[in-house]
């Protein structure tokens, strides 16, 4: 009987004060925005190309203002194209020339989701709750094809990093690590600005 009376008293108090679940819910914090430093990401992509031609000697620029390099024996010419690919021309002892094109691409994975666009990665981070530790896996893929478009080879290198989402309203700078070589463990950090904002879980005071 005492328990019933106590329950009735609590229920009556809620009715009198219009208690609702959302009114008693605690404020929640989530990511309002995540913005990557695109200039640093561009620097990382340039570092990938620089690494790819590191074994060759710089010759200058061609008529299209593209940088080109040669091997020590002079049989191979490597050109960094304007679209970010690398064209390699090799002449064998019999004078036969072969041409390949190599491209480099980043893909990203967070919480089991894979993205080919870094903006989609930022959207995936946006909205995550406070205190979340997000592991980001960045994969650099090198794809080489012959002049007919046939696949010659594929190489990959991965780097893992973590983004710690603050528990209060805050603007913090986190980093994701990206590979800058498929042949070594070279990496580069790229800054991500994380903006967290306290939000009510659905009741009064929510934004």
Protein backbone atom coordinates (compact mmCIF):
# COMPACT_ATOMS: atom_id res chain seq x y z
CA UNK A 1 0.00 0.00 0.00
CA UNK A 2 2.84 2.40 0.84
CA UNK A 3 4.49 1.69 -2.56
CA UNK A 4 1.20 2.38 -4.31
CA UNK A 5 0.74 5.67 -2.48
CA UNK A 6 4.33 6.71 -3.34
CA UNK A 7 3.82 5.82 -7.03
CA UNK A 8 0.56 7.78 -7.12
CA UNK A 9 2.26 10.81 -5.57
CA UNK A 10 5.04 10.78 -8.19
CA UNK A 11 2.50 10.33 -11.00
CA UNK A 12 0.40 13.18 -9.66
CA UNK A 13 3.44 15.46 -9.49
CA UNK A 14 4.28 14.75 -13.13
CA UNK A 15 0.70 15.41 -14.23
CA UNK A 16 0.67 18.67 -12.29
CA UNK A 17 3.98 19.86 -13.77
CA UNK A 18 3.38 18.37 -17.29
CA UNK A 19 6.41 16.08 -17.03
CA UNK A 20 7.62 14.65 -20.33
CA UNK A 21 10.48 12.33 -21.20
CA UNK A 22 12.18 14.99 -23.26
CA UNK A 23 11.92 17.54 -20.44
CA UNK A 24 14.01 15.41 -18.13
CA UNK A 25 16.46 14.21 -20.76
CA UNK A 26 20.00 15.43 -20.42
CA UNK A 27 21.55 17.70 -23.00
CA UNK A 28 23.38 15.77 -25.68
CA UNK A 29 26.44 16.91 -27.62
CA UNK A 30 27.06 15.95 -31.22
CA UNK A 31 29.22 16.96 -34.15
CA UNK A 32 27.64 19.92 -35.89
CA UNK A 33 30.34 20.18 -38.57
CA UNK A 34 33.51 18.44 -39.71
CA UNK A 35 35.74 20.24 -42.21
CA UNK A 36 38.97 18.87 -43.67
CA UNK A 37 41.91 21.09 -44.57
CA UNK A 38 41.79 20.65 -48.34
CA UNK A 39 45.15 22.38 -48.88
CA UNK A 40 46.87 19.86 -46.61
CA UNK A 41 45.13 17.00 -48.42
CA UNK A 42 46.35 18.45 -51.73
CA UNK A 43 49.86 18.58 -50.27
CA UNK A 44 49.57 14.91 -49.36
CA UNK A 45 48.48 14.05 -52.90
CA UNK A 46 51.47 15.98 -54.26
CA UNK A 47 53.74 14.07 -51.89
CA UNK A 48 52.39 10.83 -53.40
CA UNK A 49 53.43 11.95 -56.88
CA UNK A 50 56.81 13.18 -55.63
CA UNK A 51 57.43 9.79 -54.08
CA UNK A 52 56.44 8.02 -57.30
CA UNK A 53 59.10 9.87 -59.34
CA UNK A 54 61.78 9.88 -56.64
CA UNK A 55 63.86 7.28 -58.49
CA UNK A 56 64.12 9.42 -61.62
CA UNK A 57 66.01 12.58 -62.59
CA UNK A 58 64.06 15.75 -63.24
CA UNK A 59 64.39 17.00 -66.82
CA UNK A 60 62.12 20.04 -66.89
CA UNK A 61 58.70 20.61 -68.41
CA UNK A 62 57.30 19.56 -71.77
CA UNK A 63 55.26 21.60 -74.24
CA UNK A 64 52.17 21.11 -72.06
CA UNK A 65 54.02 22.48 -69.02
CA UNK A 66 54.04 19.02 -67.41
CA UNK A 67 57.07 17.89 -65.40
CA UNK A 68 58.96 14.94 -66.78
CA UNK A 69 61.77 12.76 -65.53
CA UNK A 70 64.15 10.14 -66.89
CA UNK A 71 65.73 6.98 -65.53
CA UNK A 72 69.49 6.77 -65.08
CA UNK A 73 69.88 4.68 -68.25
CA UNK A 74 67.71 7.06 -70.24
CA UNK A 75 65.36 4.30 -71.38
CA UNK A 76 62.39 5.40 -69.31
CA UNK A 77 60.59 8.75 -69.31
CA UNK A 78 58.07 9.55 -66.58
CA UNK A 79 55.64 12.44 -66.99
CA UNK A 80 53.40 13.84 -64.28
CA UNK A 81 50.21 14.70 -66.14
CA UNK A 82 47.90 17.59 -65.31
CA UNK A 83 45.16 15.22 -64.14
CA UNK A 84 47.43 13.82 -61.41
CA UNK A 85 48.31 10.60 -63.22
CA UNK A 86 51.80 9.47 -64.20
CA UNK A 87 52.66 8.35 -67.72
CA UNK A 88 55.63 6.04 -68.08
CA UNK A 89 57.27 5.29 -71.42
CA UNK A 90 59.96 2.63 -71.58
CA UNK A 91 62.06 1.63 -74.60
CA UNK A 92 63.62 -1.83 -74.59
CA UNK A 93 66.88 -2.94 -76.22
CA UNK A 94 65.12 -3.61 -79.52
CA UNK A 95 63.59 -0.14 -79.65
CA UNK A 96 60.06 -1.21 -78.69
CA UNK A 97 58.22 1.34 -76.60
CA UNK A 98 55.62 0.52 -73.96
CA UNK A 99 53.41 3.08 -72.26
CA UNK A 100 51.60 2.78 -68.95
CA UNK A 101 49.45 5.20 -66.97
CA UNK A 102 49.39 5.14 -63.17
CA UNK A 103 46.72 6.76 -61.04
CA UNK A 104 46.59 7.34 -57.28
CA UNK A 105 43.38 7.47 -55.27
CA UNK A 106 42.40 7.77 -51.63
CA UNK A 107 39.47 5.91 -50.10
CA UNK A 108 38.23 6.26 -46.53
CA UNK A 109 36.48 4.00 -44.03
CA UNK A 110 34.75 4.90 -40.76
CA UNK A 111 32.38 2.76 -38.68
CA UNK A 112 32.38 0.10 -41.39
CA UNK A 113 31.37 2.54 -44.13
CA UNK A 114 33.65 3.13 -47.11
CA UNK A 115 33.85 6.41 -49.01
CA UNK A 116 35.63 7.45 -52.19
CA UNK A 117 35.00 11.15 -51.52
CA UNK A 118 36.48 12.92 -48.51
CA UNK A 119 33.38 15.15 -48.26
CA UNK A 120 31.27 12.04 -47.69
CA UNK A 121 33.69 11.08 -44.92
CA UNK A 122 33.13 14.46 -43.28
CA UNK A 123 29.36 13.95 -43.50
CA UNK A 124 29.75 10.57 -41.81
CA UNK A 125 31.59 12.19 -38.90
CA UNK A 126 28.98 14.94 -38.67
CA UNK A 127 26.23 14.03 -36.23
CA UNK A 128 28.22 11.52 -34.18
CA UNK A 129 27.68 11.81 -30.42
CA UNK A 130 29.97 13.38 -27.87
CA UNK A 131 32.82 11.30 -26.50
CA UNK A 132 32.97 9.14 -29.61
CA UNK A 133 36.39 7.90 -30.66
CA UNK A 134 36.27 7.41 -34.41
CA UNK A 135 38.85 5.30 -36.21
CA UNK A 136 39.47 6.43 -39.76
CA UNK A 137 41.20 4.07 -42.18
CA UNK A 138 42.67 5.78 -45.23
CA UNK A 139 43.78 3.65 -48.16
CA UNK A 140 46.06 4.82 -50.96
CA UNK A 141 45.62 2.78 -54.13
CA UNK A 142 48.07 2.80 -57.02
CA UNK A 143 46.55 1.50 -60.27
CA UNK A 144 48.67 0.98 -63.38
CA UNK A 145 47.18 0.27 -66.82
CA UNK A 146 48.70 -0.19 -70.26
CA UNK A 147 47.92 2.00 -73.28
CA UNK A 148 44.92 -0.22 -74.08
CA UNK A 149 43.40 0.24 -70.65
CA UNK A 150 44.28 -3.23 -69.39
CA UNK A 151 45.20 -3.55 -65.73
CA UNK A 152 48.93 -4.09 -65.21
CA UNK A 153 49.21 -3.87 -61.40
CA UNK A 154 47.57 -2.59 -58.23
CA UNK A 155 49.25 -1.65 -54.97
CA UNK A 156 47.75 -0.38 -51.72
CA UNK A 157 48.90 1.17 -48.47
CA UNK A 158 46.76 1.92 -45.42
CA UNK A 159 47.03 4.29 -42.49
CA UNK A 160 44.84 4.38 -39.38
CA UNK A 161 44.05 7.34 -37.19
CA UNK A 162 41.55 8.33 -34.51
CA UNK A 163 39.34 11.38 -34.07
CA UNK A 164 38.33 12.14 -30.48
CA UNK A 165 35.04 14.03 -30.40
CA UNK A 166 34.87 16.41 -27.41
CA UNK A 167 32.15 16.02 -24.78
CA UNK A 168 31.30 19.72 -24.57
CA UNK A 169 30.58 22.55 -26.97
CA UNK A 170 33.93 23.05 -28.59
CA UNK A 171 35.92 23.60 -31.75
CA UNK A 172 38.88 21.27 -31.93
CA UNK A 173 41.43 20.32 -34.53
CA UNK A 174 41.94 16.61 -35.07
CA UNK A 175 44.13 14.86 -37.62
CA UNK A 176 43.64 11.99 -39.99
CA UNK A 177 46.73 10.20 -41.26
CA UNK A 178 47.04 9.51 -44.97
CA UNK A 179 49.69 7.38 -46.73
CA UNK A 180 51.95 9.21 -49.18
CA UNK A 181 53.63 6.15 -50.67
CA UNK A 182 52.62 2.62 -51.63
CA UNK A 183 56.23 1.45 -51.38
CA UNK A 184 57.03 2.64 -47.85
CA UNK A 185 55.35 3.70 -44.61
CA UNK A 186 55.48 7.43 -45.39
CA UNK A 187 52.41 9.28 -44.09
CA UNK A 188 51.17 12.80 -43.61
CA UNK A 189 48.65 14.28 -41.19
CA UNK A 190 45.71 16.24 -42.54
CA UNK A 191 43.81 18.49 -40.14
CA UNK A 192 40.06 18.12 -39.57
CA UNK A 193 38.17 20.85 -37.71
CA UNK A 194 35.47 19.28 -35.53
CA UNK A 195 32.70 21.51 -34.20
CA UNK A 196 30.55 20.06 -31.44
CA UNK A 197 27.32 21.64 -30.26
CA UNK A 198 25.15 20.79 -27.22
CA UNK A 199 21.68 19.74 -28.32
CA UNK A 200 18.68 18.71 -26.24
CA UNK A 201 17.50 15.22 -27.01
CA UNK A 202 14.12 16.48 -28.19
CA UNK A 203 12.48 18.56 -25.49
CA UNK A 204 12.47 22.20 -24.58
CA UNK A 205 15.69 24.05 -25.19
CA UNK A 206 16.65 21.97 -28.23
CA UNK A 207 18.22 23.77 -31.15
